[in-house]
Structure formats: C-alpha cells, structure tokens
Amino acid sequence: MTLMRRGLLAAGAVTALAPSLRRRARAQAANTYRIGVLTDMSGTYRDNTGPTSVICVRQAVAEFASQGFNVEVIEADHQNRPDLGVSLARQWYDQGIDLIADVPTSSVGLAVQQVAREKNKAVLQVGSATADLTGAHCSPNSVHWAYDTYLLAKSTGAAMVTAGGDSWFCITADYAFGHALERDTSALVRASGGRVLGSVRTPFPGTTDFSSFLVQATAARPKVIGLANAGLDTINCVKQAAEFGVTRRGVKLACMLLFITDVHSIGLDQGAGLVLTESFYWALNDRSRAFLNRVKPRLANVYPNCIHAGNYSATLHALKAVADMGVPAARASGTELVNRMKAMPCDDDCFGPGRIREDGRKIHPSFLFEVKARAESKAPWDYLKLLQTTPAEEAFRPIAEGGCPLVRG
C-alpha cells in the first residue's frame, strides 16, 4: 500500500510538472536561433567549402555562446544540384531553420536566394561566386560575403593584362558561376586593353579530362589561358596543363578562382608562380593568425581559405544582429535581420573593418598573391606572397553598375 501511495504521489508530481516543462521548452525554443549550413560535402567544391565551412560556422557560434540565447547548427550536402538545394532550403525553412549559410555553386546560390525571399528568411551567400547575387538577382533577404566574380576578374584579370598577357582564351565551367566569371573577366580584360580570342565550355560537374579543351585553347595562340572554373576542375586543369607542357610554350595560366586549399592539392612544384586573388590569408597579419590559432584545433590538416573564413565572419556578424534586435524579431523576418546587419559596421579577425552595402555586398579589401616556389616556403601552408592590395571601396563592382533593384537612384 505504501509503495502504491508513493507511486501515485510521484505520478501526480510529474503530471503537475508537465505544464511547467512544456512552458520551459517553449521558452527555450523561442530563445533559440537556428542555422543551416548548406554546402558541398562530397563533390568538386568539398575541400574549398564543405566540412571546413561547417567548422568555421560552429567556431563563430562557440565564440558567441555567452550572449543570452541558444544557437543550433545543422548541415546538409546539396551535391551541387539546384533542385536538391531548393528542396533542402524549403524543408529547412518550413521546419524552423532561420538562416542558411555558405551555399557554394552559383546555380544553387541563386535558387536558394529566391526561396529565402519567398519565405522571408535569411541567407548568407559565401561559397557562391556570381556577382549577380548582388546585381540583377539581389535580394533584401541575403548578403554576399568574401568574394565574387567581379572581384576576381578585376584583381587577377587586370593584373595579368598589365603584366603583358593581353590576349586570352577561356576554359569555362558550363553553369552560372563559370558564365559569370567568363563574362566579368572578358569585360575587365577588354577594359584593360586586352583581347579575348575565344572560349570553350566544359560540362559541370563530372569533367576530369581537360586535355581536349587545353589543346583547343592553345591552338588559338593566346598569351593567357583563363580558367573560369574552380575546385577540382581548376586543380585538374593546372596539372594537365603541366603534363602537356602548356606553360613551357610561353602561355600563362590565369586561375580566376584559386584558393590556398587548391594550392595545397596542386603542390608548389606545379603551382609556383600562379597568381590568384583572395580576400583572406591566414598569414596576412596578426588578426588572421589569431583566428587560425583559435579554429585550428577543430581542423583536420587544412588551413581555411576566404570561403571558410567568410562563413565564420558572416555568421558572427549575423549573430551580433540577432543579439541587437532580439531572437523573436530576428526569427520573424529575414529581411529585418539583413537590414540590421547592413546598419551595423563589420569587424572581425578574418577581414578587419568593413560594411554591407545596400545591394547586400559585403565590402573589404582584396589581395593579389603569387604562389611561392618550394624554396621560399618556410612552414606548413606557407604558400603565398603578397603582390598588391586593392582597397575595400575599389575591390568590388561599383554599386551603381550592378543593376540591383534595391539600390535607390
């Protein structure tokens, strides 16, 4: 009888406690901000985005952990497919994800940006490169971090022409990113006094043999072969160009999008002398080294590039905006969150001081680097030497030239 009475008392206590637990759970949910990292975990851009992007988002969250609200992070692989990216974005937003980050592959980025606008959620475009994200397809629900095709064309393309590479042929990945990069590069080459002799488009994804495309490019006898591709495509092009002796014939390669992670894969023996544009480099200054030292214990023998650093930087700034306006308001409107991000100055160890323009473009300096020769490299991942710096207000396309409907005339 005593045991039964104790059991009834315990049951009664649980019943009485249940509404309190439910209220506490609801309160905790209301005070939780949810981030989904939509990235390439298995394909062409895995090393340049993927797991390290997720780690850098989580690093930002960890550094922001004492701000009075909870942050949850989930991840998914969009496999570089716009249809899958859209499906995941819709599912996430409908199930309570408040913000999506990274989104490499421009075709996926453009599609997810539209979903975010329809759902009035937020998206941090970091991995996608096309400058159209802040041009004709700009959105009040997104910001574009780290780099874009205009920046790459202006920095790398113009530098190559100035150095004497005044005739170009482009090998282009056949989708939105490659098209935008070829377009922006061609425009900058012509504006700098150079000529574009032609281009060839390679199927994406899935192309691994670029030999026929390299033969077609060299047949046009350009001084520069511009690689309007990225990730494994660029790595394969560089290695196969070396095998075919392309550069021994006096032709230079312009890797329009090349990251330190790509240089690591190519190696200094084949990569030495390549010129590239980055907006982050771990050894650039004391602040960039401090970021590396904080995130390095989470990494697996990889140093972050500008996309990885951009995911950290963009997430940190977004969380500052959430704290400033409050979780309920931030969750209620992606547009208002982005507006608050635009109103707040940016500053972090990866990119230093900056700002977000009306069209959603995050502004910061860019840097032209040359890949070191093996004898010049003195430490692990010591791969780049600085050639020139482009100031923040000059690095990206002028806001009046982008055609963004959000920009007031």
Protein backbone atom coordinates (compact mmCIF):
# COMPACT_ATOMS: atom_id res chain seq x y z
CA MET A 1 0.00 0.00 0.00
CA THR A 2 2.88 2.40 0.87
CA LEU A 3 4.57 1.70 -2.45
CA MET A 4 1.33 2.33 -4.32
CA ARG A 5 0.78 5.61 -2.49
CA ARG A 6 4.32 6.75 -3.26
CA GLY A 7 3.81 5.82 -6.90
CA LEU A 8 0.61 7.85 -7.05
CA LEU A 9 2.32 10.82 -5.42
CA ALA A 10 5.18 10.58 -7.91
CA ALA A 11 2.76 10.35 -10.82
CA GLY A 12 0.90 13.36 -9.52
CA ALA A 13 4.11 15.31 -9.22
CA VAL A 14 5.07 14.51 -12.81
CA THR A 15 1.60 15.50 -14.02
CA ALA A 16 1.80 18.77 -12.14
CA LEU A 17 5.30 19.39 -13.51
CA ALA A 18 4.42 18.66 -17.15
CA PRO A 19 2.87 22.06 -18.00
CA SER A 20 5.90 23.76 -16.43
CA LEU A 21 8.28 21.63 -18.52
CA ARG A 22 6.31 22.39 -21.66
CA ARG A 23 6.39 26.12 -20.91
CA ARG A 24 10.13 25.92 -20.30
CA ALA A 25 10.65 24.01 -23.57
CA ARG A 26 8.60 26.59 -25.48
CA ALA A 27 10.55 29.43 -23.88
CA GLN A 28 13.84 27.75 -24.78
CA ALA A 29 12.67 27.21 -28.37
CA ALA A 30 11.60 30.85 -28.62
CA ASN A 31 15.08 31.87 -27.46
CA THR A 32 16.89 29.61 -29.95
CA TYR A 33 18.24 30.76 -33.31
CA ARG A 34 18.80 28.02 -35.90
CA ILE A 35 21.39 27.99 -38.68
CA GLY A 36 21.64 25.50 -41.53
CA VAL A 37 24.94 25.16 -43.40
CA LEU A 38 24.05 24.13 -46.95
CA THR A 39 27.27 23.13 -48.67
CA ASP A 40 29.19 20.65 -50.83
CA MET A 41 30.23 17.76 -48.60
CA SER A 42 31.19 15.28 -51.33
CA GLY A 43 31.80 16.90 -54.70
CA THR A 44 34.01 19.26 -56.70
CA TYR A 45 33.99 22.00 -54.06
CA ARG A 46 34.18 19.87 -50.92
CA ASP A 47 37.70 20.98 -49.92
CA ASN A 48 37.04 24.65 -50.64
CA THR A 49 33.73 24.69 -48.73
CA GLY A 50 32.17 21.61 -47.10
CA PRO A 51 33.27 20.35 -43.68
CA THR A 52 35.60 23.29 -43.03
CA SER A 53 32.77 25.75 -43.71
CA VAL A 54 30.68 23.93 -41.10
CA ILE A 55 33.59 24.06 -38.63
CA CYS A 56 34.01 27.80 -39.14
CA VAL A 57 30.30 28.45 -38.61
CA ARG A 58 30.48 26.46 -35.38
CA GLN A 59 33.57 28.43 -34.37
CA ALA A 60 31.61 31.68 -34.66
CA VAL A 61 28.77 30.18 -32.63
CA ALA A 62 31.19 28.98 -29.94
CA GLU A 63 32.72 32.44 -29.65
CA PHE A 64 29.24 33.95 -29.33
CA ALA A 65 27.98 31.43 -26.77
CA SER A 66 27.62 33.83 -23.83
CA GLN A 67 25.18 36.28 -25.43
CA GLY A 68 21.99 35.11 -23.73
CA PHE A 69 20.37 32.95 -26.41
CA ASN A 70 20.84 29.49 -27.86
CA VAL A 71 22.16 28.75 -31.33
CA GLU A 72 21.71 25.43 -33.13
CA VAL A 73 23.64 24.43 -36.27
CA ILE A 74 22.79 21.68 -38.73
CA GLU A 75 24.40 20.80 -42.05
CA ALA A 76 23.50 19.17 -45.37
CA ASP A 77 25.08 18.29 -48.72
CA HIS A 78 23.36 19.86 -51.73
CA GLN A 79 25.61 17.86 -54.11
CA ASN A 80 25.95 20.94 -56.37
CA ARG A 81 22.37 20.37 -57.58
CA PRO A 82 20.00 23.37 -57.67
CA ASP A 83 16.91 21.12 -57.36
CA LEU A 84 18.27 19.45 -54.23
CA GLY A 85 19.43 22.78 -52.80
CA VAL A 86 15.96 24.28 -53.25
CA SER A 87 14.27 21.21 -51.74
CA LEU A 88 16.54 21.30 -48.67
CA ALA A 89 16.13 25.05 -48.25
CA ARG A 90 12.33 24.83 -48.35
CA GLN A 91 12.30 21.93 -45.91
CA TRP A 92 14.66 23.68 -43.52
CA TYR A 93 12.83 26.99 -43.55
CA ASP A 94 9.47 25.25 -43.08
CA GLN A 95 10.86 23.26 -40.13
CA GLY A 96 12.24 26.26 -38.26
CA ILE A 97 15.69 26.98 -39.67
CA ASP A 98 16.08 30.76 -39.56
CA LEU A 99 19.19 31.30 -41.65
CA ILE A 100 21.10 29.32 -44.29
CA ALA A 101 24.85 29.81 -44.72
CA ASP A 102 27.57 29.04 -47.29
CA VAL A 103 25.66 27.72 -50.40
CA PRO A 104 28.57 27.13 -52.80
CA THR A 105 27.81 26.65 -56.51
CA SER A 106 26.26 29.76 -58.03
CA SER A 107 23.31 27.98 -59.62
CA VAL A 108 22.36 26.65 -56.19
CA GLY A 109 23.00 30.02 -54.54
CA LEU A 110 20.73 31.88 -56.96
CA ALA A 111 17.95 29.34 -56.47
CA VAL A 112 18.19 29.27 -52.66
CA GLN A 113 18.25 33.07 -52.57
CA GLN A 114 14.83 33.09 -54.22
CA VAL A 115 13.47 30.59 -51.68
CA ALA A 116 14.73 32.74 -48.80
CA ARG A 117 12.92 35.73 -50.24
CA GLU A 118 9.67 33.79 -50.66
CA LYS A 119 9.85 32.54 -47.05
CA ASN A 120 11.16 35.85 -45.62
CA LYS A 121 14.15 34.04 -44.16
CA ALA A 122 17.84 34.96 -44.35
CA VAL A 123 20.72 33.52 -46.36
CA LEU A 124 24.45 34.22 -46.05
CA GLN A 125 25.92 33.71 -49.52
CA VAL A 126 29.58 32.83 -49.03
CA GLY A 127 30.52 29.92 -51.29
CA SER A 128 28.62 31.15 -54.35
CA ALA A 129 30.72 33.42 -56.56
CA THR A 130 28.45 35.04 -59.15
CA ALA A 131 28.24 38.82 -58.79
CA ASP A 132 24.63 38.53 -59.99
CA LEU A 133 23.69 37.76 -56.37
CA THR A 134 24.07 41.48 -55.67
CA GLY A 135 23.19 42.58 -59.20
CA ALA A 136 20.02 41.87 -61.11
CA HIS A 137 19.16 39.00 -58.73
CA CYS A 138 19.85 40.87 -55.48
CA SER A 139 17.50 40.22 -52.56
CA PRO A 140 16.59 42.01 -49.32
CA ASN A 141 16.99 38.64 -47.57
CA SER A 142 20.64 37.96 -48.37
CA VAL A 143 24.17 39.24 -48.05
CA HIS A 144 27.14 38.16 -50.16
CA TRP A 145 30.41 37.66 -48.29
CA ALA A 146 34.10 37.06 -49.04
CA TYR A 147 34.43 37.36 -52.86
CA ASP A 148 32.62 37.38 -56.20
CA THR A 149 33.31 37.07 -59.92
CA TYR A 150 33.79 40.82 -60.40
CA LEU A 151 36.47 40.98 -57.69
CA LEU A 152 38.31 38.01 -59.20
CA ALA A 153 38.19 39.46 -62.70
CA LYS A 154 39.31 42.91 -61.64
CA SER A 155 42.20 41.75 -59.49
CA THR A 156 43.61 38.71 -61.31
CA GLY A 157 42.46 39.56 -64.84
CA ALA A 158 43.62 43.17 -64.85
CA ALA A 159 46.95 42.23 -63.24
CA MET A 160 47.67 39.62 -65.93
CA VAL A 161 46.92 42.11 -68.73
CA THR A 162 49.14 44.74 -67.10
CA ALA A 163 51.94 42.15 -66.94
CA GLY A 164 51.73 41.66 -70.71
CA GLY A 165 49.05 38.99 -71.04
CA ASP A 166 46.91 40.93 -73.49
CA SER A 167 45.36 38.01 -75.43
CA TRP A 168 43.14 35.47 -73.68
CA PHE A 169 41.26 32.23 -74.24
CA CYS A 170 38.86 30.99 -71.54
CA ILE A 171 38.13 27.45 -70.38
CA THR A 172 34.79 27.82 -68.66
CA ALA A 173 32.67 25.61 -66.38
CA ASP A 174 29.30 25.42 -68.13
CA TYR A 175 26.94 26.78 -65.46
CA ALA A 176 26.05 30.08 -63.78
CA PHE A 177 29.37 30.58 -61.96
CA GLY A 178 31.57 29.87 -64.98
CA HIS A 179 29.43 32.02 -67.26
CA ALA A 180 29.55 34.96 -64.82
CA LEU A 181 33.30 34.61 -64.30
CA GLU A 182 33.99 34.44 -68.04
CA ARG A 183 31.72 37.46 -68.61
CA ASP A 184 33.32 39.58 -65.89
CA THR A 185 36.86 38.52 -66.81
CA SER A 186 36.32 39.22 -70.51
CA ALA A 187 34.94 42.67 -69.73
CA LEU A 188 37.90 43.54 -67.47
CA VAL A 189 40.45 42.18 -69.98
CA ARG A 190 38.95 44.32 -72.75
CA ALA A 191 38.70 47.35 -70.47
CA SER A 192 42.40 46.92 -69.65
CA GLY A 193 43.33 46.92 -73.36
CA GLY A 194 43.44 43.17 -73.94
CA ARG A 195 41.63 40.82 -76.34
CA VAL A 196 39.60 37.66 -75.76
CA LEU A 197 40.22 35.25 -78.64
CA GLY A 198 37.54 32.74 -77.69
CA SER A 199 36.30 30.29 -75.09
CA VAL A 200 35.25 26.69 -74.63
CA ARG A 201 32.73 25.44 -72.06
CA THR A 202 33.24 22.24 -70.11
CA PRO A 203 30.39 20.14 -68.68
CA PHE A 204 29.81 20.60 -64.94
CA PRO A 205 30.01 18.59 -62.80
CA GLY A 206 31.85 15.48 -63.84
CA THR A 207 34.62 16.66 -66.19
CA THR A 208 38.00 15.27 -65.18
CA ASP A 209 39.85 15.13 -68.51
CA PHE A 210 40.56 18.65 -69.79
CA SER A 211 43.14 17.66 -72.40
CA SER A 212 40.97 18.38 -75.46
CA PHE A 213 39.95 21.76 -74.02
CA LEU A 214 43.57 22.69 -73.34
CA VAL A 215 44.50 21.70 -76.91
CA GLN A 216 41.69 23.89 -78.27
CA ALA A 217 42.82 26.79 -76.09
CA THR A 218 46.50 26.59 -77.10
CA ALA A 219 45.51 26.31 -80.77
CA ALA A 220 44.15 29.87 -80.55
CA ARG A 221 47.67 31.01 -79.53
CA PRO A 222 46.73 33.24 -76.62
CA LYS A 223 49.23 34.63 -74.16
CA VAL A 224 46.91 33.66 -71.30
CA ILE A 225 44.52 30.76 -70.79
CA GLY A 226 41.92 31.91 -68.30
CA LEU A 227 40.43 29.15 -66.15
CA ALA A 228 36.85 30.18 -65.36
CA ASN A 229 36.31 27.20 -63.08
CA ALA A 230 37.12 26.19 -59.50
CA GLY A 231 37.91 23.37 -57.10
CA LEU A 232 38.86 20.03 -58.61
CA ASP A 233 38.24 21.39 -62.12
CA THR A 234 40.95 24.03 -61.66
CA ILE A 235 43.31 21.56 -59.98
CA ASN A 236 42.93 19.11 -62.88
CA CYS A 237 43.41 21.86 -65.47
CA VAL A 238 46.64 23.06 -63.85
CA LYS A 239 48.07 19.55 -63.50
CA GLN A 240 47.12 18.54 -67.04
CA ALA A 241 48.49 21.81 -68.46
CA ALA A 242 51.81 20.94 -66.82
CA GLU A 243 51.70 17.43 -68.27
CA PHE A 244 51.10 18.80 -71.79
CA GLY A 245 53.79 21.45 -71.41
CA VAL A 246 51.37 24.32 -71.99
CA THR A 247 53.30 26.82 -69.89
CA ARG A 248 56.62 25.76 -71.48
CA ARG A 249 55.25 27.14 -74.73
CA GLY A 250 55.11 30.61 -73.22
CA VAL A 251 51.41 30.51 -72.34
CA LYS A 252 50.45 31.63 -68.85
CA LEU A 253 47.59 30.19 -66.82
CA ALA A 254 45.23 32.59 -65.10
CA CYS A 255 43.39 30.71 -62.36
CA MET A 256 40.49 33.07 -61.91
CA LEU A 257 39.36 31.32 -58.74
CA LEU A 258 42.12 29.57 -56.84
CA PHE A 259 42.23 29.00 -53.08
CA ILE A 260 45.05 28.04 -50.74
CA THR A 261 43.32 24.65 -50.41
CA ASP A 262 43.73 24.21 -54.18
CA VAL A 263 47.39 25.22 -53.99
CA HIS A 264 47.87 22.55 -51.32
CA SER A 265 46.41 19.93 -53.68
CA ILE A 266 48.39 21.12 -56.71
CA GLY A 267 51.68 21.37 -54.81
CA LEU A 268 54.36 24.04 -55.04
CA ASP A 269 56.31 22.23 -57.75
CA GLN A 270 53.47 22.69 -60.25
CA GLY A 271 51.81 25.68 -58.61
CA ALA A 272 54.79 28.01 -58.17
CA GLY A 273 54.27 31.32 -59.96
CA LEU A 274 50.50 31.05 -60.29
CA VAL A 275 48.72 34.31 -59.48
CA LEU A 276 45.48 34.34 -57.51
CA THR A 277 43.12 36.67 -55.69
CA GLU A 278 41.98 36.03 -52.12
CA SER A 279 40.27 38.21 -49.52
CA PHE A 280 41.71 36.18 -46.61
CA TYR A 281 45.08 34.56 -45.95
CA TRP A 282 46.00 33.05 -42.62
CA ALA A 283 49.46 34.67 -42.55
CA LEU A 284 48.34 38.13 -43.68
CA ASN A 285 48.52 39.83 -40.26
CA ASP A 286 48.28 39.25 -36.50
CA ARG A 287 44.47 39.12 -36.53
CA SER A 288 44.30 36.48 -39.28
CA ARG A 289 46.87 34.39 -37.39
CA ALA A 290 44.83 34.75 -34.20
CA PHE A 291 41.75 33.39 -35.99
CA LEU A 292 43.74 30.45 -37.34
CA ASN A 293 45.07 29.62 -33.89
CA ARG A 294 41.53 29.59 -32.44
CA VAL A 295 39.99 27.42 -35.13
CA LYS A 296 42.98 25.17 -35.83
CA PRO A 297 42.20 22.61 -33.06
CA ARG A 298 38.90 21.89 -34.86
CA LEU A 299 40.54 21.39 -38.27
CA ALA A 300 41.99 18.25 -39.84
CA ASN A 301 45.23 19.24 -41.59
CA VAL A 302 43.61 22.04 -43.58
CA TYR A 303 44.03 25.80 -43.35
CA PRO A 304 40.99 27.97 -44.07
CA ASN A 305 40.50 29.92 -47.30
CA CYS A 306 38.32 33.01 -47.78
CA ILE A 307 35.11 30.93 -48.04
CA HIS A 308 35.80 29.18 -44.75
CA ALA A 309 36.78 32.47 -43.10
CA GLY A 310 33.77 34.12 -44.73
CA ASN A 311 31.41 31.64 -43.11
CA TYR A 312 32.92 32.47 -39.73
CA SER A 313 32.78 36.21 -40.36
CA ALA A 314 29.26 36.28 -41.81
CA THR A 315 27.85 34.06 -39.06
CA LEU A 316 29.47 36.15 -36.34
CA HIS A 317 28.04 39.37 -37.78
CA ALA A 318 24.59 37.80 -38.19
CA LEU A 319 24.61 36.68 -34.55
CA LYS A 320 25.57 40.21 -33.47
CA ALA A 321 22.50 41.46 -35.34
CA VAL A 322 20.29 38.78 -33.71
CA ALA A 323 21.53 39.88 -30.28
CA ASP A 324 20.94 43.52 -31.15
CA MET A 325 17.32 43.08 -32.30
CA GLY A 326 16.34 40.07 -30.16
CA VAL A 327 15.72 36.47 -31.18
CA PRO A 328 11.92 36.75 -31.75
CA ALA A 329 12.31 39.72 -34.10
CA ALA A 330 15.23 38.11 -35.94
CA ARG A 331 13.27 34.90 -36.41
CA ALA A 332 10.15 36.76 -37.56
CA SER A 333 11.76 38.45 -40.58
CA GLY A 334 14.86 37.61 -42.58
CA THR A 335 14.56 41.00 -44.28
CA GLU A 336 14.73 42.84 -40.97
CA LEU A 337 17.70 40.75 -39.87
CA VAL A 338 19.57 41.63 -43.06
CA ASN A 339 18.61 45.30 -42.65
CA ARG A 340 20.08 45.25 -39.15
CA MET A 341 23.26 43.59 -40.46
CA LYS A 342 23.58 46.35 -43.06
CA ALA A 343 23.12 49.03 -40.40
CA MET A 344 25.91 47.63 -38.20
CA PRO A 345 29.62 48.05 -39.04
CA CYS A 346 31.50 44.80 -39.59
CA ASP A 347 34.77 43.91 -37.88
CA ASP A 348 36.43 40.56 -37.19
CA ASP A 349 39.85 38.92 -37.24
CA CYS A 350 39.44 37.47 -40.73
CA PHE A 351 38.57 40.56 -42.76
CA GLY A 352 39.02 43.50 -40.39
CA PRO A 353 36.68 46.51 -40.58
CA GLY A 354 34.06 46.55 -43.34
CA ARG A 355 30.45 47.19 -44.16
CA ILE A 356 27.48 45.76 -46.06
CA ARG A 357 26.18 47.86 -48.94
CA GLU A 358 22.56 48.45 -49.83
CA ASP A 359 22.73 45.73 -52.50
CA GLY A 360 23.89 43.15 -49.91
CA ARG A 361 27.56 43.19 -50.95
CA LYS A 362 29.99 42.88 -48.01
CA ILE A 363 32.90 45.25 -48.60
CA HIS A 364 36.52 44.62 -47.58
CA PRO A 365 39.96 44.68 -49.26
CA SER A 366 41.17 42.02 -51.67
CA PHE A 367 44.71 40.77 -52.17
CA LEU A 368 46.66 39.59 -55.20
CA PHE A 369 49.05 36.77 -54.33
CA GLU A 370 51.66 34.70 -56.15
CA VAL A 371 52.27 31.07 -55.23
CA LYS A 372 55.72 30.64 -53.71
CA ALA A 373 58.43 28.39 -55.05
CA ARG A 374 59.18 25.44 -52.79
CA ALA A 375 62.44 27.02 -51.60
CA GLU A 376 60.54 30.13 -50.45
CA SER A 377 58.06 28.22 -48.28
CA LYS A 378 59.31 28.13 -44.68
CA ALA A 379 56.39 26.48 -42.83
CA PRO A 380 53.32 24.28 -43.42
CA TRP A 381 50.79 26.08 -45.65
CA ASP A 382 53.23 28.98 -46.18
CA TYR A 383 52.29 29.14 -49.83
CA LEU A 384 51.53 32.73 -50.83
CA LYS A 385 53.36 36.03 -51.15
CA LEU A 386 51.50 39.31 -51.41
CA LEU A 387 51.81 41.27 -54.66
CA GLN A 388 49.25 44.03 -54.19
CA THR A 389 46.24 45.12 -52.15
CA THR A 390 43.01 46.53 -53.55
CA PRO A 391 41.21 48.84 -51.07
CA ALA A 392 37.71 47.84 -49.96
CA GLU A 393 35.87 50.55 -51.88
CA GLU A 394 37.68 49.63 -55.12
CA ALA A 395 37.68 45.83 -54.85
CA PHE A 396 34.05 45.19 -55.79
CA ARG A 397 31.79 46.35 -58.60
CA PRO A 398 30.51 49.92 -58.12
CA ILE A 399 27.02 49.73 -56.67
CA ALA A 400 25.52 51.84 -59.46
CA GLU A 401 26.71 49.35 -62.12
CA GLY A 402 25.13 46.20 -60.69
CA GLY A 403 21.50 46.77 -61.62
CA CYS A 404 20.22 45.82 -58.16
CA PRO A 405 16.57 46.94 -57.74
CA LEU A 406 17.20 47.61 -54.03
CA VAL A 407 19.58 50.47 -54.83
CA ARG A 408 17.93 53.86 -54.77
CA GLY A 409 18.72 56.05 -57.73
